[in-house]
Amino acid sequence: MRLESLQPRPFLRLLDAPGSRSDQDQDHDHDALNMRLKDKICIVTGAAQGIGLATALKFAREGAIVVACDRRREGVDEAAAACHALGARALGFVVDVTDRSQIDAMVASVRAEFGRIDVLVNNAGITKDARLLKMTEQQFDAVIDVNLRGVFHCAQAVADTMVVQGAGVILNASSVVGIYGNFGQTNYAASKFGVIGFTKTWARELGPKGVRVNAVAPGFVQTPILDTMPERVIEQMRAKVPLGRLAQPEEIANVYAFLASDEASYVNGAVIEVGGGMTV
């Protein structure tokens, strides 16, 4: 496993002439609004693409120090570089969330570097769809290993640090499929429903220690996984959404950023659907 540390580039700020106090105040307010995660140490799994990448970049814009984790070396390097280009500091780790030793090594490195961990976004996930009568054990096990066991591994690895700090945020990726089910997704639905169980249980266990745990349940999102789907299937998906479109990854990342920030200081054990009204 290789650690890549990217130093931040200085922010450039253009101010009006001295004495223009109202404009400077507006600049300050704008900066404060867009730096809700300033200097927070934020780990994002599955950060190489889709919602994970969008979340890493959103956190970078909000002032976080981003720890981008994924199984693909190229994706990790690109995510860390993109965060750096936004003026943030970023670390990139190649991590398979099904391998606890890799997770523990990553967490130890982050803790050694910064002395704390403020936010974990358990975003890594896969799909291997098939109807119940055709699903293989390999398909079932693979999805459970990444989407459920991987979430457990990562949360347990950071929980001790957060408890000692008396503060921290764990955010889990569920799905509307985990709430309502979906044809051909026995394994995926089970994993995402299990994540909701994790979230509510950990919110009770860790809340008294100052650690908040919440889940986000996206609906249909325009991610690279849709590239393999026929257009007619995507059109059917759009038709189920009252807003008439799929979500952009950035729209899910915005919710993660809110939940990670102090603005959500009294939100704990929640499962927030971000589905454009598809379940209404």
Foldseek 3Di string as FASTA:
>chain_A
DDKDKDAFDDDDDDDDDPPPVVRVVVVVVVLQVQQLAAAAEEEFEPCLWFLNLLLLQSNLRNRYAYEYEYQDPVSQVVSQVNSRVSGHIYMGDNDQLLDLVSLLVSLVVSCVVPVAHAEYELDDFDADFAAPVPDDPVRLVVRCSRLAVSLVSNCVSRLVRQLVVLAHEYEHEAAVCLVVNDGRGPNNVVSRVNVLVVQQVCLVVCVVSHYAYEYEHEYFEPIPVCVPPDPVVLQVSLVLAPVSHHHYSNVSSVVVSCCSGCVVSPDHSYYHYHYNRSVD
